[in-house]
Amino acid sequence: MKKNIAIIIGLFMGIANTLTAFGAEGVVKNGRTLVGVRGVFEELGFNVTWNSEKNEAVLSDDTHYISLVKGEDHFFADGTDIKPDVPQQIIGDKFYLPLRAIGDAIGADVSWNEENKIAHITYNAKDVYIKCAVEEKAAPTTFPQKTIFYKDDPLVPDFGALYGLKVVQELEGASGHKYSYYYYQVTDDMVNDYIQRLESCGYIFDKNVTLLKAKYGYDDFVKEYYSREKNIAITFGRFKTIDHFTVDLDTADFRVYISKAIN
């Protein structure tokens, strides 16, 4: 009996040791395992490439071709558009991919050991074990119930005042806008709350706004809400944190424009 226990422990330790041999580490986020773009799929026999211009990771072998773009909520596997529960994303400074969604797309067997927090993927008779860190859920963010407005624009919700952010830079009359306000450390919760406040104040989302993201340094999104009754348009977006195209974009990672009027 003691010999069997020793063999089992030795086998598990052997598996654990292989985890760091090629960097097979993952993160569990919202109940889904994410793995780094490098390591796991290369160990399974895939060729992994990264296109920095398109922010695109490509996984390919003799059977499958998978394309995942940073910032998108879906990916393509052999021409099929797939939208996973938790999409590919940047965590820290690394690009992570959804393990089970990709595993299902290529016909791999994916399992999860809850006790040891280890994911296991089998593909073409190859096995990879991934030691995972479980991301703790942040406490719900609370914001003021009452909407606060800019002093100079009493019909526009004050982004900084609502979420406790200082204006990094304020410009007047830049690029045809009445005011431009720049902020740091903006979260998705803040943006979603701000959108709800705009809509409650009578602003309407303009689906036709298509700004040049790559040229002007926008990263995740660009949105515009307008009110013809109030003759105001609000455009806001998040910027890349590096490689800005102009000096003024280098001062913040988020900006709210307030336009004078709507044509």
C-alpha atoms as a PDB file:
ATOM      1  CA  MET A   1       0.000   0.000   0.000  1.00  0.00           C
ATOM      2  CA  LYS A   2       2.797   2.386   0.835  1.00  0.00           C
ATOM      3  CA  LYS A   3       4.476   1.585  -2.471  1.00  0.00           C
ATOM      4  CA  ASN A   4       1.297   2.479  -4.413  1.00  0.00           C
ATOM      5  CA  ILE A   5       1.018   5.813  -2.626  1.00  0.00           C
ATOM      6  CA  ALA A   6       4.648   6.603  -3.377  1.00  0.00           C
ATOM      7  CA  ILE A   7       4.119   5.776  -7.065  1.00  0.00           C
ATOM      8  CA  ILE A   8       1.038   7.979  -7.286  1.00  0.00           C
ATOM      9  CA  ILE A   9       2.759  10.888  -5.573  1.00  0.00           C
ATOM     10  CA  GLY A  10       5.824  10.443  -7.744  1.00  0.00           C
ATOM     11  CA  LEU A  11       3.717  10.448 -10.897  1.00  0.00           C
ATOM     12  CA  PHE A  12       1.890  13.611  -9.836  1.00  0.00           C
ATOM     13  CA  MET A  13       5.145  15.326  -8.985  1.00  0.00           C
ATOM     14  CA  GLY A  14       6.438  14.363 -12.406  1.00  0.00           C
ATOM     15  CA  ILE A  15       3.427  15.975 -14.038  1.00  0.00           C
ATOM     16  CA  ALA A  16       3.841  19.073 -11.889  1.00  0.00           C
ATOM     17  CA  ASN A  17       7.465  19.345 -12.930  1.00  0.00           C
ATOM     18  CA  THR A  18       6.516  19.295 -16.616  1.00  0.00           C
ATOM     19  CA  LEU A  19       4.264  22.294 -16.056  1.00  0.00           C
ATOM     20  CA  THR A  20       7.161  24.686 -15.874  1.00  0.00           C
ATOM     21  CA  ALA A  21       9.248  23.006 -18.554  1.00  0.00           C
ATOM     22  CA  PHE A  22       7.502  25.037 -21.262  1.00  0.00           C
ATOM     23  CA  GLY A  23       5.655  27.614 -19.180  1.00  0.00           C
ATOM     24  CA  ALA A  24       2.273  25.881 -19.057  1.00  0.00           C
ATOM     25  CA  GLU A  25       0.534  28.191 -16.659  1.00  0.00           C
ATOM     26  CA  GLY A  26      -2.958  29.580 -16.900  1.00  0.00           C
ATOM     27  CA  VAL A  27      -5.514  31.828 -15.250  1.00  0.00           C
ATOM     28  CA  VAL A  28      -9.088  30.957 -14.328  1.00  0.00           C
ATOM     29  CA  LYS A  29     -11.333  33.933 -14.981  1.00  0.00           C
ATOM     30  CA  ASN A  30     -15.097  33.812 -14.489  1.00  0.00           C
ATOM     31  CA  GLY A  31     -14.914  30.022 -14.351  1.00  0.00           C
ATOM     32  CA  ARG A  32     -12.993  29.657 -17.621  1.00  0.00           C
ATOM     33  CA  THR A  33      -9.338  28.712 -18.116  1.00  0.00           C
ATOM     34  CA  LEU A  34      -7.170  31.092 -20.129  1.00  0.00           C
ATOM     35  CA  VAL A  35      -3.651  30.140 -21.256  1.00  0.00           C
ATOM     36  CA  GLY A  36      -0.793  32.148 -22.712  1.00  0.00           C
ATOM     37  CA  VAL A  37      -0.500  32.367 -26.479  1.00  0.00           C
ATOM     38  CA  ARG A  38       2.849  30.596 -26.237  1.00  0.00           C
ATOM     39  CA  GLY A  39       3.519  27.180 -24.720  1.00  0.00           C
ATOM     40  CA  VAL A  40       0.403  25.043 -24.528  1.00  0.00           C
ATOM     41  CA  PHE A  41      -0.614  24.914 -28.180  1.00  0.00           C
ATOM     42  CA  GLU A  42       2.974  24.696 -29.375  1.00  0.00           C
ATOM     43  CA  GLU A  43       3.366  21.654 -27.126  1.00  0.00           C
ATOM     44  CA  LEU A  44       0.288  20.175 -28.842  1.00  0.00           C
ATOM     45  CA  GLY A  45       1.985  20.540 -32.221  1.00  0.00           C
ATOM     46  CA  PHE A  46       0.562  23.862 -33.407  1.00  0.00           C
ATOM     47  CA  ASN A  47       2.558  26.561 -35.111  1.00  0.00           C
ATOM     48  CA  VAL A  48       1.890  29.797 -33.215  1.00  0.00           C
ATOM     49  CA  THR A  49       2.515  33.199 -34.809  1.00  0.00           C
ATOM     50  CA  TRP A  50       1.808  36.772 -33.695  1.00  0.00           C
ATOM     51  CA  ASN A  51       1.037  39.621 -36.101  1.00  0.00           C
ATOM     52  CA  SER A  52       1.828  42.838 -34.201  1.00  0.00           C
ATOM     53  CA  GLU A  53       0.243  45.064 -36.872  1.00  0.00           C
ATOM     54  CA  LYS A  54      -3.103  43.273 -36.672  1.00  0.00           C
ATOM     55  CA  ASN A  55      -2.785  42.305 -32.982  1.00  0.00           C
ATOM     56  CA  GLU A  56      -3.607  38.789 -34.140  1.00  0.00           C
ATOM     57  CA  ALA A  57      -2.496  35.382 -32.903  1.00  0.00           C
ATOM     58  CA  VAL A  58      -2.710  32.472 -35.350  1.00  0.00           C
ATOM     59  CA  LEU A  59      -2.623  28.798 -34.326  1.00  0.00           C
ATOM     60  CA  SER A  60      -2.264  26.310 -37.165  1.00  0.00           C
ATOM     61  CA  ASP A  61      -1.399  22.700 -37.886  1.00  0.00           C
ATOM     62  CA  ASP A  62      -2.121  20.348 -40.771  1.00  0.00           C
ATOM     63  CA  THR A  63      -5.837  20.278 -39.872  1.00  0.00           C
ATOM     64  CA  HIS A  64      -6.830  23.545 -38.210  1.00  0.00           C
ATOM     65  CA  TYR A  65      -6.376  27.302 -38.618  1.00  0.00           C
ATOM     66  CA  ILE A  66      -7.419  29.534 -35.731  1.00  0.00           C
ATOM     67  CA  SER A  67      -7.280  33.334 -35.686  1.00  0.00           C
ATOM     68  CA  LEU A  68      -7.692  35.385 -32.488  1.00  0.00           C
ATOM     69  CA  VAL A  69      -7.510  39.193 -32.442  1.00  0.00           C
ATOM     70  CA  LYS A  70      -6.727  41.198 -29.334  1.00  0.00           C
ATOM     71  CA  GLY A  71      -9.720  43.184 -28.076  1.00  0.00           C
ATOM     72  CA  GLU A  72     -12.338  41.098 -29.930  1.00  0.00           C
ATOM     73  CA  ASP A  73     -14.984  39.031 -28.138  1.00  0.00           C
ATOM     74  CA  HIS A  74     -14.863  36.223 -30.719  1.00  0.00           C
ATOM     75  CA  PHE A  75     -12.382  34.262 -32.811  1.00  0.00           C
ATOM     76  CA  PHE A  76     -12.363  32.215 -36.017  1.00  0.00           C
ATOM     77  CA  ALA A  77     -11.632  28.485 -36.126  1.00  0.00           C
ATOM     78  CA  ASP A  78     -11.456  26.974 -39.614  1.00  0.00           C
ATOM     79  CA  GLY A  79     -13.684  29.783 -40.885  1.00  0.00           C
ATOM     80  CA  THR A  80     -16.305  29.421 -38.134  1.00  0.00           C
ATOM     81  CA  ASP A  81     -17.003  32.458 -35.964  1.00  0.00           C
ATOM     82  CA  ILE A  82     -16.896  31.425 -32.278  1.00  0.00           C
ATOM     83  CA  LYS A  83     -17.849  33.620 -29.324  1.00  0.00           C
ATOM     84  CA  PRO A  84     -16.564  32.094 -26.052  1.00  0.00           C
ATOM     85  CA  ASP A  85     -17.916  32.882 -22.583  1.00  0.00           C
ATOM     86  CA  VAL A  86     -14.586  34.520 -21.722  1.00  0.00           C
ATOM     87  CA  PRO A  87     -12.726  35.758 -24.833  1.00  0.00           C
ATOM     88  CA  GLN A  88      -9.025  36.187 -25.553  1.00  0.00           C
ATOM     89  CA  GLN A  89      -7.569  39.113 -23.635  1.00  0.00           C
ATOM     90  CA  ILE A  90      -4.534  40.839 -22.205  1.00  0.00           C
ATOM     91  CA  ILE A  91      -3.783  39.942 -18.579  1.00  0.00           C
ATOM     92  CA  GLY A  92      -0.828  41.841 -17.197  1.00  0.00           C
ATOM     93  CA  ASP A  93       1.280  42.247 -20.310  1.00  0.00           C
ATOM     94  CA  LYS A  94       0.526  38.832 -21.852  1.00  0.00           C
ATOM     95  CA  PHE A  95      -2.048  37.685 -24.406  1.00  0.00           C
ATOM     96  CA  TYR A  96      -4.229  34.851 -23.064  1.00  0.00           C
ATOM     97  CA  LEU A  97      -6.482  32.484 -25.036  1.00  0.00           C
ATOM     98  CA  PRO A  98      -9.651  30.560 -23.989  1.00  0.00           C
ATOM     99  CA  LEU A  99      -8.526  26.955 -23.539  1.00  0.00           C
ATOM    100  CA  ARG A 100     -11.815  25.053 -23.634  1.00  0.00           C
ATOM    101  CA  ALA A 101     -13.334  27.050 -26.503  1.00  0.00           C
ATOM    102  CA  ILE A 102     -10.270  26.418 -28.666  1.00  0.00           C
ATOM    103  CA  GLY A 103     -10.072  22.828 -27.434  1.00  0.00           C
ATOM    104  CA  ASP A 104     -13.676  22.214 -28.487  1.00  0.00           C
ATOM    105  CA  ALA A 105     -12.995  23.822 -31.879  1.00  0.00           C
ATOM    106  CA  ILE A 106     -10.106  21.451 -32.633  1.00  0.00           C
ATOM    107  CA  GLY A 107     -11.760  18.368 -31.136  1.00  0.00           C
ATOM    108  CA  ALA A 108      -9.428  18.147 -28.138  1.00  0.00           C
ATOM    109  CA  ASP A 109     -10.381  16.642 -24.788  1.00  0.00           C
ATOM    110  CA  VAL A 110     -10.228  19.214 -21.983  1.00  0.00           C
ATOM    111  CA  SER A 111     -10.666  18.378 -18.297  1.00  0.00           C
ATOM    112  CA  TRP A 112     -10.292  20.230 -15.004  1.00  0.00           C
ATOM    113  CA  ASN A 113      -8.932  19.097 -11.639  1.00  0.00           C
ATOM    114  CA  GLU A 114     -10.617  21.386  -9.130  1.00  0.00           C
ATOM    115  CA  GLU A 115      -8.605  20.243  -6.125  1.00  0.00           C
ATOM    116  CA  ASN A 116      -5.205  20.944  -7.681  1.00  0.00           C
ATOM    117  CA  LYS A 117      -6.374  23.718 -10.063  1.00  0.00           C
ATOM    118  CA  ILE A 118      -4.880  21.914 -13.044  1.00  0.00           C
ATOM    119  CA  ALA A 119      -6.360  21.878 -16.560  1.00  0.00           C
ATOM    120  CA  HIS A 120      -5.577  18.943 -18.843  1.00  0.00           C
ATOM    121  CA  ILE A 121      -5.860  19.018 -22.629  1.00  0.00           C
ATOM    122  CA  THR A 122      -5.326  16.022 -24.931  1.00  0.00           C
ATOM    123  CA  TYR A 123      -4.919  16.417 -28.690  1.00  0.00           C
ATOM    124  CA  ASN A 124      -3.513  13.970 -31.239  1.00  0.00           C
ATOM    125  CA  ALA A 125      -2.228  11.706 -28.462  1.00  0.00           C
ATOM    126  CA  LYS A 126      -0.368  14.597 -26.827  1.00  0.00           C
ATOM    127  CA  ASP A 127      -1.100  15.732 -23.272  1.00  0.00           C
ATOM    128  CA  VAL A 128      -0.498  19.091 -21.653  1.00  0.00           C
ATOM    129  CA  TYR A 129      -1.161  19.908 -17.996  1.00  0.00           C
ATOM    130  CA  ILE A 130      -1.658  23.557 -17.037  1.00  0.00           C
ATOM    131  CA  LYS A 131      -1.301  24.808 -13.485  1.00  0.00           C
ATOM    132  CA  CYS A 132      -3.804  27.645 -13.029  1.00  0.00           C
ATOM    133  CA  ALA A 133      -4.195  30.606 -10.724  1.00  0.00           C
ATOM    134  CA  VAL A 134      -7.819  31.422  -9.946  1.00  0.00           C
ATOM    135  CA  GLU A 135      -8.553  35.121 -10.307  1.00  0.00           C
ATOM    136  CA  GLU A 136     -10.439  36.498  -7.345  1.00  0.00           C
ATOM    137  CA  LYS A 137     -13.609  38.369  -8.178  1.00  0.00           C
ATOM    138  CA  ALA A 138     -13.440  42.043  -7.352  1.00  0.00           C
ATOM    139  CA  ALA A 139     -16.073  43.542  -5.110  1.00  0.00           C
ATOM    140  CA  PRO A 140     -18.923  45.214  -7.019  1.00  0.00           C
ATOM    141  CA  THR A 141     -18.143  48.799  -7.925  1.00  0.00           C
ATOM    142  CA  THR A 142     -20.530  51.419  -6.573  1.00  0.00           C
ATOM    143  CA  PHE A 143     -21.037  54.845  -8.101  1.00  0.00           C
ATOM    144  CA  PRO A 144     -23.027  57.924  -7.017  1.00  0.00           C
ATOM    145  CA  GLN A 145     -26.765  57.578  -7.579  1.00  0.00           C
ATOM    146  CA  LYS A 146     -27.134  61.226  -8.522  1.00  0.00           C
ATOM    147  CA  THR A 147     -25.607  62.312 -11.827  1.00  0.00           C
ATOM    148  CA  ILE A 148     -23.035  65.106 -11.563  1.00  0.00           C
ATOM    149  CA  PHE A 149     -22.597  67.475 -14.521  1.00  0.00           C
ATOM    150  CA  TYR A 150     -19.666  69.519 -15.817  1.00  0.00           C
ATOM    151  CA  LYS A 151     -19.776  73.105 -14.519  1.00  0.00           C
ATOM    152  CA  ASP A 152     -19.138  74.519 -17.999  1.00  0.00           C
ATOM    153  CA  ASP A 153     -21.542  72.024 -19.617  1.00  0.00           C
ATOM    154  CA  PRO A 154     -24.473  71.490 -17.225  1.00  0.00           C
ATOM    155  CA  LEU A 155     -26.161  69.061 -19.647  1.00  0.00           C
ATOM    156  CA  VAL A 156     -23.159  66.711 -19.821  1.00  0.00           C
ATOM    157  CA  PRO A 157     -22.419  64.136 -17.042  1.00  0.00           C
ATOM    158  CA  ASP A 158     -19.027  64.889 -15.465  1.00  0.00           C
ATOM    159  CA  PHE A 159     -16.958  61.745 -16.024  1.00  0.00           C
ATOM    160  CA  GLY A 160     -14.206  62.632 -13.560  1.00  0.00           C
ATOM    161  CA  ALA A 161     -16.491  63.817 -10.765  1.00  0.00           C
ATOM    162  CA  LEU A 162     -18.672  60.722 -11.022  1.00  0.00           C
ATOM    163  CA  TYR A 163     -15.801  58.243 -10.702  1.00  0.00           C
ATOM    164  CA  GLY A 164     -13.290  60.153  -8.612  1.00  0.00           C
ATOM    165  CA  LEU A 165     -10.826  60.761 -11.450  1.00  0.00           C
ATOM    166  CA  LYS A 166      -8.769  63.901 -11.940  1.00  0.00           C
ATOM    167  CA  VAL A 167      -8.684  65.550 -15.338  1.00  0.00           C
ATOM    168  CA  VAL A 168      -5.182  64.898 -16.661  1.00  0.00           C
ATOM    169  CA  GLN A 169      -5.579  67.476 -19.385  1.00  0.00           C
ATOM    170  CA  GLU A 170      -8.360  69.783 -20.560  1.00  0.00           C
ATOM    171  CA  LEU A 171      -8.435  71.320 -24.028  1.00  0.00           C
ATOM    172  CA  GLU A 172     -10.838  73.874 -25.425  1.00  0.00           C
ATOM    173  CA  GLY A 173     -11.695  74.082 -29.105  1.00  0.00           C
ATOM    174  CA  ALA A 174      -9.463  71.163 -30.127  1.00  0.00           C
ATOM    175  CA  SER A 175     -10.435  69.375 -33.360  1.00  0.00           C
ATOM    176  CA  GLY A 176     -13.796  71.115 -33.516  1.00  0.00           C
ATOM    177  CA  HIS A 177     -14.828  70.088 -30.004  1.00  0.00           C
ATOM    178  CA  LYS A 178     -15.980  72.540 -27.377  1.00  0.00           C
ATOM    179  CA  TYR A 179     -14.012  70.703 -24.671  1.00  0.00           C
ATOM    180  CA  SER A 180     -11.795  67.630 -24.446  1.00  0.00           C
ATOM    181  CA  TYR A 181     -11.165  65.958 -21.085  1.00  0.00           C
ATOM    182  CA  TYR A 182      -8.455  63.329 -20.525  1.00  0.00           C
ATOM    183  CA  TYR A 183      -8.428  60.703 -17.744  1.00  0.00           C
ATOM    184  CA  TYR A 184      -6.289  57.850 -16.435  1.00  0.00           C
ATOM    185  CA  GLN A 185      -7.314  54.491 -14.918  1.00  0.00           C
ATOM    186  CA  VAL A 186     -10.741  54.222 -16.501  1.00  0.00           C
ATOM    187  CA  THR A 187     -12.473  50.856 -16.002  1.00  0.00           C
ATOM    188  CA  ASP A 188     -15.159  49.145 -18.057  1.00  0.00           C
ATOM    189  CA  ASP A 189     -17.572  49.522 -15.114  1.00  0.00           C
ATOM    190  CA  MET A 190     -17.125  53.295 -15.283  1.00  0.00           C
ATOM    191  CA  VAL A 191     -17.766  53.346 -19.019  1.00  0.00           C
ATOM    192  CA  ASN A 192     -20.880  51.179 -18.770  1.00  0.00           C
ATOM    193  CA  ASP A 193     -22.259  53.326 -15.950  1.00  0.00           C
ATOM    194  CA  TYR A 194     -21.527  56.493 -17.946  1.00  0.00           C
ATOM    195  CA  ILE A 195     -23.397  55.092 -20.951  1.00  0.00           C
ATOM    196  CA  GLN A 196     -26.446  54.406 -18.779  1.00  0.00           C
ATOM    197  CA  ARG A 197     -26.348  57.958 -17.455  1.00  0.00           C
ATOM    198  CA  LEU A 198     -26.110  59.408 -20.959  1.00  0.00           C
ATOM    199  CA  GLU A 199     -29.128  57.411 -22.076  1.00  0.00           C
ATOM    200  CA  SER A 200     -31.109  58.412 -18.982  1.00  0.00           C
ATOM    201  CA  CYS A 201     -30.328  62.052 -19.854  1.00  0.00           C
ATOM    202  CA  GLY A 202     -31.787  61.614 -23.342  1.00  0.00           C
ATOM    203  CA  TYR A 203     -28.646  60.894 -25.339  1.00  0.00           C
ATOM    204  CA  ILE A 204     -28.827  58.450 -28.245  1.00  0.00           C
ATOM    205  CA  PHE A 205     -26.084  56.099 -29.442  1.00  0.00           C
ATOM    206  CA  ASP A 206     -24.836  56.899 -32.939  1.00  0.00           C
ATOM    207  CA  LYS A 207     -24.234  53.557 -34.693  1.00  0.00           C
ATOM    208  CA  ASN A 208     -22.714  55.282 -37.712  1.00  0.00           C
ATOM    209  CA  VAL A 209     -19.604  56.613 -35.952  1.00  0.00           C
ATOM    210  CA  THR A 210     -16.528  54.892 -37.414  1.00  0.00           C
ATOM    211  CA  LEU A 211     -13.302  56.651 -36.459  1.00  0.00           C
ATOM    212  CA  LEU A 212      -9.904  55.446 -37.649  1.00  0.00           C
ATOM    213  CA  LYS A 213      -8.718  53.458 -34.653  1.00  0.00           C
ATOM    214  CA  ALA A 214      -5.185  52.669 -35.824  1.00  0.00           C
ATOM    215  CA  LYS A 215      -4.444  56.190 -37.059  1.00  0.00           C
ATOM    216  CA  TYR A 216      -5.600  58.050 -33.964  1.00  0.00           C
ATOM    217  CA  GLY A 217      -4.526  55.556 -31.330  1.00  0.00           C
ATOM    218  CA  TYR A 218      -7.894  54.224 -30.185  1.00  0.00           C
ATOM    219  CA  ASP A 219      -7.699  50.758 -28.712  1.00  0.00           C
ATOM    220  CA  ASP A 220     -10.804  49.081 -27.301  1.00  0.00           C
ATOM    221  CA  PHE A 221     -13.657  51.224 -28.554  1.00  0.00           C
ATOM    222  CA  VAL A 222     -14.929  54.538 -29.832  1.00  0.00           C
ATOM    223  CA  LYS A 223     -18.511  55.531 -29.012  1.00  0.00           C
ATOM    224  CA  GLU A 224     -20.593  58.628 -29.643  1.00  0.00           C
ATOM    225  CA  TYR A 225     -23.853  59.662 -28.035  1.00  0.00           C
ATOM    226  CA  TYR A 226     -25.788  62.714 -29.106  1.00  0.00           C
ATOM    227  CA  SER A 227     -28.885  64.728 -28.309  1.00  0.00           C
ATOM    228  CA  ARG A 228     -30.415  66.810 -31.075  1.00  0.00           C
ATOM    229  CA  GLU A 229     -32.640  68.550 -28.554  1.00  0.00           C
ATOM    230  CA  LYS A 230     -29.631  69.697 -26.532  1.00  0.00           C
ATOM    231  CA  ASN A 231     -27.463  70.206 -29.613  1.00  0.00           C
ATOM    232  CA  ILE A 232     -24.584  68.303 -27.979  1.00  0.00           C
ATOM    233  CA  ALA A 233     -22.531  65.323 -29.085  1.00  0.00           C
ATOM    234  CA  ILE A 234     -20.289  63.336 -26.731  1.00  0.00           C
ATOM    235  CA  THR A 235     -17.590  61.127 -28.201  1.00  0.00           C
ATOM    236  CA  PHE A 236     -15.393  59.030 -25.939  1.00  0.00           C
ATOM    237  CA  GLY A 237     -12.836  56.266 -26.293  1.00  0.00           C
ATOM    238  CA  ARG A 238      -9.917  54.433 -24.740  1.00  0.00           C
ATOM    239  CA  PHE A 239      -6.400  54.922 -26.095  1.00  0.00           C
ATOM    240  CA  LYS A 240      -3.398  52.649 -26.386  1.00  0.00           C
ATOM    241  CA  THR A 241      -0.996  53.051 -23.492  1.00  0.00           C
ATOM    242  CA  ILE A 242       2.051  53.165 -25.785  1.00  0.00           C
ATOM    243  CA  ASP A 243       2.955  54.245 -29.314  1.00  0.00           C
ATOM    244  CA  HIS A 244       0.725  57.296 -29.390  1.00  0.00           C
ATOM    245  CA  PHE A 245       0.597  59.214 -32.619  1.00  0.00           C
ATOM    246  CA  THR A 246       0.467  62.744 -31.233  1.00  0.00           C
ATOM    247  CA  VAL A 247       1.803  64.449 -28.148  1.00  0.00           C
ATOM    248  CA  ASP A 248      -1.594  65.190 -26.633  1.00  0.00           C
ATOM    249  CA  LEU A 249      -2.666  61.540 -26.766  1.00  0.00           C
ATOM    250  CA  ASP A 250       0.345  60.680 -24.648  1.00  0.00           C
ATOM    251  CA  THR A 251      -1.139  62.368 -21.585  1.00  0.00           C
ATOM    252  CA  ALA A 252      -3.982  59.950 -20.834  1.00  0.00           C
ATOM    253  CA  ASP A 253      -5.520  56.624 -21.764  1.00  0.00           C
ATOM    254  CA  PHE A 254      -9.129  57.855 -22.002  1.00  0.00           C
ATOM    255  CA  ARG A 255     -10.738  60.980 -23.384  1.00  0.00           C
ATOM    256  CA  VAL A 256     -14.234  62.466 -23.480  1.00  0.00           C
ATOM    257  CA  TYR A 257     -14.964  64.968 -26.265  1.00  0.00           C
ATOM    258  CA  ILE A 258     -17.871  67.385 -26.047  1.00  0.00           C
ATOM    259  CA  SER A 259     -18.860  68.802 -29.424  1.00  0.00           C
ATOM    260  CA  LYS A 260     -20.430  72.226 -29.915  1.00  0.00           C
ATOM    261  CA  ALA A 261     -23.287  71.115 -32.120  1.00  0.00           C
ATOM    262  CA  ILE A 262     -24.693  68.414 -34.324  1.00  0.00           C
ATOM    263  CA  ASN A 263     -24.919  68.943 -38.055  1.00  0.00           C
END
